[in-house]
Amino acid sequence: MRRRKNTYIFVQEKKKHRGPGCLILLLSVLFAVVVLSLLSNAAMNRQTNLETEKVRVMSLDKKFVNFTVLHISDLHGDERGLDADAWRTLLNGKGFSAVAMTGDMVGASGDYTPMVALIKTLRQIKADVPVYFVAGDDDPDPVLSSLHGNPEVLADWVQAAQEAGAVYLDRPVSQSVGTMTVWFVPEYLYSVDIDGMQSSLTRQKEEMEAAGQQYEGEGGASYRALYYRLEAFTASAEALKAMTKDDLQIGMTHVPLGSDYVREMIEWADESSAFSFRRLSLVLAGHYCGGQWRLGSLGPIYVPELGWFPGDTGVVGMQRINSIDQYISGGLAASDFYPMPGRLFNTPSVSLLVYTDRIE
């Protein structure tokens, strides 16, 4: 009798060895995603967005309605400032009443050519619109107090911007709107005892003159810088006398104001004075470049002062702290402030800030 072969119900199947094809496919997909992301990011960085934001002020005088500020920040000497045609296209048909540049327009490189070219272009687009600027923390010192080989007090980049038609904002500057007045003010003046600073600087000036320091090399540079600051505070004191409670006040700074600082300033503000932190209709700031590296709805990935994924509050856009509106520009370029170079999924932007009396 023939013997049957044994059959087993449960037989361990031999494993099929996957070849290198799957790994190659996976790596190819990852490579394609990276390349497409880089190309997309490069395309975003070549653009400049023009954003529009309403500045809502209760009981705003009708003459100030539609007063519009073109807010620009953080150019960092980038060559996009040189592209006059791109700026004309971006601003074609757009109305604005003033231009505010909130610092780091030159940046650590010290190359002020793009900033100056941009100022000239803006002046060509709208010759009657003033351009105001403040220094940022990455910009070269605007006022020179050490020996530098010439008697000039202001740095080359500040002088070049002024010659191009811009106003260096180290004191309040008024702008007429019909019969009304808008004041652009360096924000730090609200936290300074202007009369006290005048007295202190005057005393220092007299002491230096008594010692003959104004005739020395290093001493002369320091004396000229001190004299310039005294003149700026004196002009500020005169501007404060001219302000009225009906005027519109816009503060300009580079680093955004923190919530604790704003609350403290409001608490100590003199409500009876025309020049008061409480009367600020808007604070303009920059500094953070929109977080520099962003991931969609997650916002900024990392901000050195604020940590990982801090969100947009205090970093970019319109913020309201107590009764104060602060608009933080997303900026035009990238800062060495971040450990990550360049901008990732963060299109450079400038903004039109339009005053309205409609409160929604």
Protein backbone atom coordinates (compact mmCIF):
# COMPACT_ATOMS: atom_id res chain seq x y z
CA MET A 1 0.00 0.00 0.00
CA ARG A 2 1.26 3.39 -0.99
CA ARG A 3 2.08 5.74 1.74
CA ARG A 4 0.63 9.21 1.60
CA LYS A 5 2.81 12.24 1.98
CA ASN A 6 2.21 14.09 5.20
CA THR A 7 0.25 17.32 4.76
CA TYR A 8 0.31 20.14 7.28
CA ILE A 9 -2.42 22.67 7.68
CA PHE A 10 -0.22 25.27 9.34
CA VAL A 11 2.89 25.91 7.34
CA GLN A 12 5.09 28.93 7.95
CA GLU A 13 5.40 30.84 4.72
CA LYS A 14 8.75 31.96 3.64
CA LYS A 15 9.21 35.76 3.95
CA LYS A 16 9.56 37.58 0.74
CA HIS A 17 12.53 39.87 0.80
CA ARG A 18 11.68 43.34 -0.41
CA GLY A 19 14.19 44.67 -2.84
CA PRO A 20 15.69 48.18 -2.77
CA GLY A 21 12.85 49.44 -4.98
CA CYS A 22 10.55 50.51 -2.13
CA LEU A 23 13.30 52.44 -0.37
CA ILE A 24 14.26 54.17 -3.59
CA LEU A 25 10.61 55.06 -4.21
CA LEU A 26 10.25 56.49 -0.72
CA LEU A 27 13.43 58.54 -1.04
CA SER A 28 12.34 59.77 -4.45
CA VAL A 29 9.01 60.95 -3.06
CA LEU A 30 10.73 62.73 -0.15
CA PHE A 31 13.20 64.33 -2.54
CA ALA A 32 10.35 65.52 -4.79
CA VAL A 33 8.51 67.01 -1.80
CA VAL A 34 11.64 68.85 -0.66
CA VAL A 35 12.35 70.19 -4.14
CA LEU A 36 8.76 71.34 -4.65
CA SER A 37 8.76 72.99 -1.20
CA LEU A 38 11.98 74.83 -1.97
CA LEU A 39 10.68 75.97 -5.36
CA SER A 40 7.41 77.10 -3.78
CA ASN A 41 9.27 78.97 -1.05
CA ALA A 42 11.56 80.63 -3.60
CA ALA A 43 8.50 81.80 -5.55
CA MET A 44 6.92 83.18 -2.37
CA ASN A 45 10.10 85.07 -1.48
CA ARG A 46 10.20 86.71 -4.91
CA GLN A 47 6.77 88.24 -4.28
CA THR A 48 5.74 91.11 -2.02
CA ASN A 49 2.24 91.05 -0.58
CA LEU A 50 0.33 94.30 -0.08
CA GLU A 51 -1.96 93.82 2.90
CA THR A 52 -4.75 96.15 4.00
CA GLU A 53 -5.82 96.59 7.62
CA LYS A 54 -8.41 98.89 9.19
CA VAL A 55 -7.46 101.09 12.15
CA ARG A 56 -10.71 101.46 14.06
CA VAL A 57 -10.94 104.55 16.24
CA MET A 58 -14.12 105.36 18.11
CA SER A 59 -15.42 108.91 17.55
CA LEU A 60 -12.73 109.53 14.93
CA ASP A 61 -13.00 112.99 13.38
CA LYS A 62 -14.37 112.67 9.86
CA LYS A 63 -11.33 114.48 8.46
CA PHE A 64 -9.14 111.53 9.57
CA VAL A 65 -11.36 108.86 7.99
CA ASN A 66 -9.41 107.06 5.23
CA PHE A 67 -6.10 108.56 6.36
CA THR A 68 -3.79 105.76 5.22
CA VAL A 69 -0.27 104.81 6.28
CA LEU A 70 1.94 102.65 4.08
CA HIS A 71 3.89 100.62 6.63
CA ILE A 72 7.25 99.13 5.58
CA SER A 73 9.78 97.38 7.79
CA ASP A 74 12.85 95.13 7.95
CA LEU A 75 14.27 95.46 4.45
CA HIS A 76 17.73 94.52 5.84
CA GLY A 77 19.47 95.94 2.77
CA ASP A 78 17.70 93.45 0.50
CA GLU A 79 17.90 94.10 -3.24
CA ARG A 80 14.11 94.20 -3.59
CA GLY A 81 14.41 97.84 -2.54
CA LEU A 82 16.16 98.47 -5.87
CA ASP A 83 13.30 97.16 -8.05
CA ALA A 84 11.43 100.39 -8.82
CA ASP A 85 9.14 98.72 -11.37
CA ALA A 86 7.98 96.11 -8.86
CA TRP A 87 7.10 98.83 -6.34
CA ARG A 88 5.23 100.86 -8.95
CA THR A 89 3.24 97.76 -9.90
CA LEU A 90 2.55 96.87 -6.28
CA LEU A 91 1.32 100.37 -5.39
CA ASN A 92 -0.38 101.18 -8.68
CA GLY A 93 -3.68 102.94 -7.96
CA LYS A 94 -3.23 102.69 -4.19
CA GLY A 95 -3.76 105.81 -2.10
CA PHE A 96 -1.75 106.52 1.00
CA SER A 97 -1.16 109.64 3.08
CA ALA A 98 2.20 108.81 4.71
CA VAL A 99 4.93 106.17 4.66
CA ALA A 100 6.30 104.75 7.93
CA MET A 101 9.49 102.67 7.95
CA THR A 102 9.93 100.97 11.32
CA GLY A 103 13.59 100.02 11.37
CA ASP A 104 16.16 97.49 10.15
CA MET A 105 15.79 98.89 6.65
CA VAL A 106 19.60 98.88 6.36
CA GLY A 107 20.42 95.96 8.64
CA ALA A 108 23.71 94.57 9.84
CA SER A 109 25.32 94.75 6.39
CA GLY A 110 25.29 98.55 6.53
CA ASP A 111 24.30 98.71 2.85
CA TYR A 112 21.82 101.56 2.66
CA THR A 113 21.58 101.66 -1.15
CA PRO A 114 18.34 99.59 -1.33
CA MET A 115 16.66 101.72 1.36
CA VAL A 116 17.62 104.97 -0.37
CA ALA A 117 16.48 103.61 -3.76
CA LEU A 118 13.12 102.63 -2.25
CA ILE A 119 12.65 106.08 -0.70
CA LYS A 120 13.35 107.70 -4.07
CA THR A 121 10.89 105.37 -5.79
CA LEU A 122 8.18 106.14 -3.23
CA ARG A 123 8.81 109.85 -3.64
CA GLN A 124 8.45 109.44 -7.42
CA ILE A 125 5.17 107.56 -6.98
CA LYS A 126 3.76 110.19 -4.59
CA ALA A 127 5.96 113.27 -4.28
CA ASP A 128 3.67 114.98 -1.75
CA VAL A 129 3.57 112.04 0.71
CA PRO A 130 6.09 112.23 3.59
CA VAL A 131 8.31 109.25 4.41
CA TYR A 132 9.22 108.77 8.10
CA PHE A 133 11.79 106.29 9.41
CA VAL A 134 13.25 105.10 12.71
CA ALA A 135 16.34 102.98 13.35
CA GLY A 136 16.19 99.28 14.16
CA ASP A 137 18.38 97.23 16.46
CA ASP A 138 20.28 95.74 13.48
CA ASP A 139 20.84 99.12 11.82
CA PRO A 140 24.13 100.99 12.33
CA ASP A 141 23.96 103.60 15.10
CA PRO A 142 22.09 106.61 13.70
CA VAL A 143 23.89 109.15 15.91
CA LEU A 144 27.69 109.00 16.04
CA SER A 145 29.23 109.75 19.42
CA SER A 146 32.73 108.35 18.89
CA LEU A 147 35.58 109.62 16.72
CA HIS A 148 34.82 108.85 13.07
CA GLY A 149 36.95 111.17 10.96
CA ASN A 150 34.47 113.96 10.19
CA PRO A 151 32.29 116.46 12.07
CA GLU A 152 28.98 114.87 11.02
CA VAL A 153 26.70 113.73 13.83
CA LEU A 154 24.31 111.54 11.87
CA ALA A 155 25.47 108.28 10.27
CA ASP A 156 25.92 108.08 6.51
CA TRP A 157 22.80 105.96 6.07
CA VAL A 158 20.62 108.48 7.93
CA GLN A 159 22.01 111.38 5.91
CA ALA A 160 21.52 109.49 2.64
CA ALA A 161 17.88 108.73 3.55
CA GLN A 162 17.29 112.38 4.42
CA GLU A 163 18.84 113.54 1.15
CA ALA A 164 16.49 111.15 -0.67
CA GLY A 165 13.56 112.95 0.95
CA ALA A 166 12.78 110.95 4.11
CA VAL A 167 12.39 112.27 7.67
CA TYR A 168 14.44 110.71 10.47
CA LEU A 169 11.96 110.50 13.33
CA ASP A 170 13.82 111.40 16.53
CA ARG A 171 11.22 114.00 17.59
CA PRO A 172 7.46 114.46 16.98
CA VAL A 173 6.69 115.58 13.42
CA SER A 174 3.33 117.02 12.42
CA GLN A 175 1.41 116.43 9.21
CA SER A 176 -1.65 118.44 8.22
CA VAL A 177 -4.86 116.70 7.21
CA GLY A 178 -7.15 119.50 6.13
CA THR A 179 -7.55 121.64 9.23
CA MET A 180 -6.51 118.76 11.51
CA THR A 181 -3.06 117.46 12.49
CA VAL A 182 -1.46 114.03 12.66
CA TRP A 183 1.67 113.61 14.78
CA PHE A 184 4.22 110.89 14.05
CA VAL A 185 6.14 110.30 17.27
CA PRO A 186 9.09 108.07 18.23
CA GLU A 187 7.34 105.85 20.78
CA TYR A 188 10.10 106.04 23.41
CA LEU A 189 9.26 109.73 24.04
CA TYR A 190 6.10 108.65 25.86
CA SER A 191 8.23 106.97 28.53
CA VAL A 192 10.76 109.81 28.91
CA ASP A 193 10.70 112.90 31.11
CA ILE A 194 11.43 115.33 28.27
CA ASP A 195 11.93 118.36 30.51
CA GLY A 196 14.19 116.32 32.77
CA MET A 197 16.23 115.11 29.79
CA GLN A 198 16.62 118.70 28.59
CA SER A 199 17.94 119.78 31.98
CA SER A 200 20.31 116.79 32.26
CA LEU A 201 21.72 117.21 28.75
CA THR A 202 22.11 120.97 29.22
CA ARG A 203 24.09 120.37 32.41
CA GLN A 204 26.33 117.80 30.67
CA LYS A 205 26.88 120.18 27.75
CA GLU A 206 27.94 123.00 30.10
CA GLU A 207 30.33 120.70 31.95
CA MET A 208 31.94 119.58 28.69
CA GLU A 209 32.29 123.18 27.53
CA ALA A 210 33.88 124.18 30.84
CA ALA A 211 36.41 121.38 30.38
CA GLY A 212 37.05 122.33 26.74
CA GLN A 213 36.13 118.84 25.55
CA GLN A 214 34.37 120.16 22.45
CA TYR A 215 37.80 121.00 20.99
CA GLU A 216 39.24 117.51 21.49
CA GLY A 217 39.04 114.60 19.04
CA GLU A 218 37.01 112.02 20.93
CA GLY A 219 35.52 114.64 23.22
CA GLY A 220 34.43 116.72 20.24
CA ALA A 221 32.51 113.80 18.70
CA SER A 222 30.82 113.08 22.02
CA TYR A 223 30.00 116.76 22.48
CA ARG A 224 28.42 117.06 19.01
CA ALA A 225 26.29 113.96 19.64
CA LEU A 226 25.16 115.31 23.01
CA TYR A 227 24.37 118.70 21.45
CA TYR A 228 22.31 116.98 18.76
CA ARG A 229 20.32 114.99 21.33
CA LEU A 230 19.70 118.16 23.33
CA GLU A 231 18.41 119.87 20.20
CA ALA A 232 16.10 116.89 19.50
CA PHE A 233 14.64 116.98 23.01
CA THR A 234 14.24 120.76 22.82
CA ALA A 235 12.35 120.39 19.55
CA SER A 236 10.26 117.63 21.16
CA ALA A 237 9.33 119.92 24.05
CA GLU A 238 8.21 122.60 21.57
CA ALA A 239 6.16 120.05 19.60
CA LEU A 240 4.37 118.95 22.78
CA LYS A 241 3.27 122.53 23.37
CA ALA A 242 1.73 122.61 19.90
CA MET A 243 -0.26 119.38 20.32
CA THR A 244 -3.97 119.41 21.06
CA LYS A 245 -6.32 116.71 22.26
CA ASP A 246 -8.01 116.69 18.84
CA ASP A 247 -4.80 115.68 17.06
CA LEU A 248 -4.10 112.12 15.93
CA GLN A 249 -0.96 110.55 17.43
CA ILE A 250 0.87 107.64 15.77
CA GLY A 251 3.84 106.07 17.57
CA MET A 252 6.72 104.45 15.70
CA THR A 253 9.09 101.88 17.18
CA HIS A 254 11.10 98.94 15.94
CA VAL A 255 10.67 96.29 18.62
CA PRO A 256 6.95 95.68 19.36
CA LEU A 257 5.63 96.79 22.71
CA GLY A 258 4.91 94.03 25.23
CA SER A 259 1.56 93.77 26.97
CA ASP A 260 3.01 94.41 30.45
CA TYR A 261 4.75 97.55 29.22
CA VAL A 262 1.57 98.85 27.56
CA ARG A 263 -0.52 98.26 30.67
CA GLU A 264 2.03 100.02 32.85
CA MET A 265 2.26 102.96 30.44
CA ILE A 266 -1.53 103.30 30.35
CA GLU A 267 -1.67 103.17 34.15
CA TRP A 268 0.86 106.00 34.52
CA ALA A 269 -0.31 108.11 31.56
CA ASP A 270 -1.49 111.65 32.24
CA GLU A 271 -5.07 111.78 30.92
CA SER A 272 -5.19 115.57 31.17
CA SER A 273 -2.22 116.06 28.81
CA ALA A 274 -2.57 116.32 25.04
CA PHE A 275 0.64 114.31 24.72
CA SER A 276 -0.27 111.06 26.43
CA PHE A 277 0.29 107.35 25.82
CA ARG A 278 -3.45 106.93 26.24
CA ARG A 279 -4.00 109.14 23.19
CA LEU A 280 -1.98 106.93 20.86
CA SER A 281 -4.27 105.87 18.05
CA LEU A 282 -1.75 103.36 16.71
CA VAL A 283 1.75 101.99 17.34
CA LEU A 284 3.75 100.78 14.33
CA ALA A 285 6.47 98.15 14.82
CA GLY A 286 8.48 95.48 13.00
CA HIS A 287 11.46 93.41 14.19
CA TYR A 288 10.13 89.84 14.05
CA CYS A 289 9.86 89.48 10.24
CA GLY A 290 6.61 87.60 10.71
CA GLY A 291 8.40 84.83 12.59
CA GLN A 292 10.75 84.25 9.63
CA TRP A 293 10.03 80.48 9.32
CA ARG A 294 6.32 79.62 9.30
CA LEU A 295 4.19 76.49 8.92
CA GLY A 296 0.73 77.36 7.66
CA SER A 297 -1.90 77.66 10.38
CA LEU A 298 0.71 76.84 13.03
CA GLY A 299 2.30 80.24 12.41
CA PRO A 300 5.91 80.98 13.38
CA ILE A 301 8.00 77.92 14.18
CA TYR A 302 10.37 79.64 16.58
CA VAL A 303 10.95 83.18 17.83
CA PRO A 304 14.03 83.57 20.07
CA GLU A 305 12.36 85.86 22.60
CA LEU A 306 9.06 83.95 22.62
CA GLY A 307 9.95 80.27 22.12
CA TRP A 308 8.50 77.53 19.93
CA PHE A 309 5.21 78.02 18.06
CA PRO A 310 4.29 81.24 19.88
CA GLY A 311 1.46 82.11 17.48
CA ASP A 312 1.05 85.46 15.76
CA THR A 313 0.07 87.48 18.83
CA GLY A 314 2.87 89.93 19.51
CA VAL A 315 4.73 88.78 16.37
CA VAL A 316 2.80 89.99 13.33
CA GLY A 317 -0.43 91.74 12.42
CA MET A 318 -2.85 93.99 14.29
CA GLN A 319 -2.84 93.54 18.06
CA ARG A 320 -4.99 95.30 20.62
CA ILE A 321 -3.55 95.63 24.11
CA ASN A 322 -6.01 97.26 26.47
CA SER A 323 -7.00 100.38 24.51
CA ILE A 324 -3.88 100.54 22.30
CA ASP A 325 -3.73 99.21 18.72
CA GLN A 326 -0.32 97.97 17.62
CA TYR A 327 0.40 96.84 14.08
CA ILE A 328 3.48 94.64 13.62
CA SER A 329 4.77 94.40 10.06
CA GLY A 330 5.64 91.03 8.56
CA GLY A 331 8.68 92.69 7.00
CA LEU A 332 10.47 92.33 3.70
CA ALA A 333 13.57 90.27 4.39
CA ALA A 334 15.24 88.08 7.01
CA SER A 335 17.09 88.94 10.20
CA ASP A 336 20.19 87.46 11.85
CA PHE A 337 18.09 87.67 15.03
CA TYR A 338 16.92 84.14 14.15
CA PRO A 339 19.10 81.01 14.09
CA MET A 340 17.27 79.99 10.87
CA PRO A 341 18.41 81.86 7.74
CA GLY A 342 16.01 83.31 5.20
CA ARG A 343 12.22 83.16 5.17
CA LEU A 344 10.31 79.88 4.97
CA PHE A 345 6.70 79.92 3.69
CA ASN A 346 6.56 83.56 4.74
CA THR A 347 5.89 85.92 1.84
CA PRO A 348 7.44 89.38 2.34
CA SER A 349 4.82 92.04 2.94
CA VAL A 350 4.03 95.71 3.37
CA SER A 351 0.74 97.10 4.65
CA LEU A 352 -1.82 99.83 4.04
CA LEU A 353 -3.34 100.87 7.38
CA VAL A 354 -6.60 102.73 6.79
CA TYR A 355 -8.28 104.79 9.53
CA THR A 356 -12.01 104.32 10.00
CA ASP A 357 -14.63 105.33 12.54
CA ARG A 358 -16.59 102.13 12.04
CA ILE A 359 -16.28 99.87 15.05
CA GLU A 360 -17.24 96.26 14.30
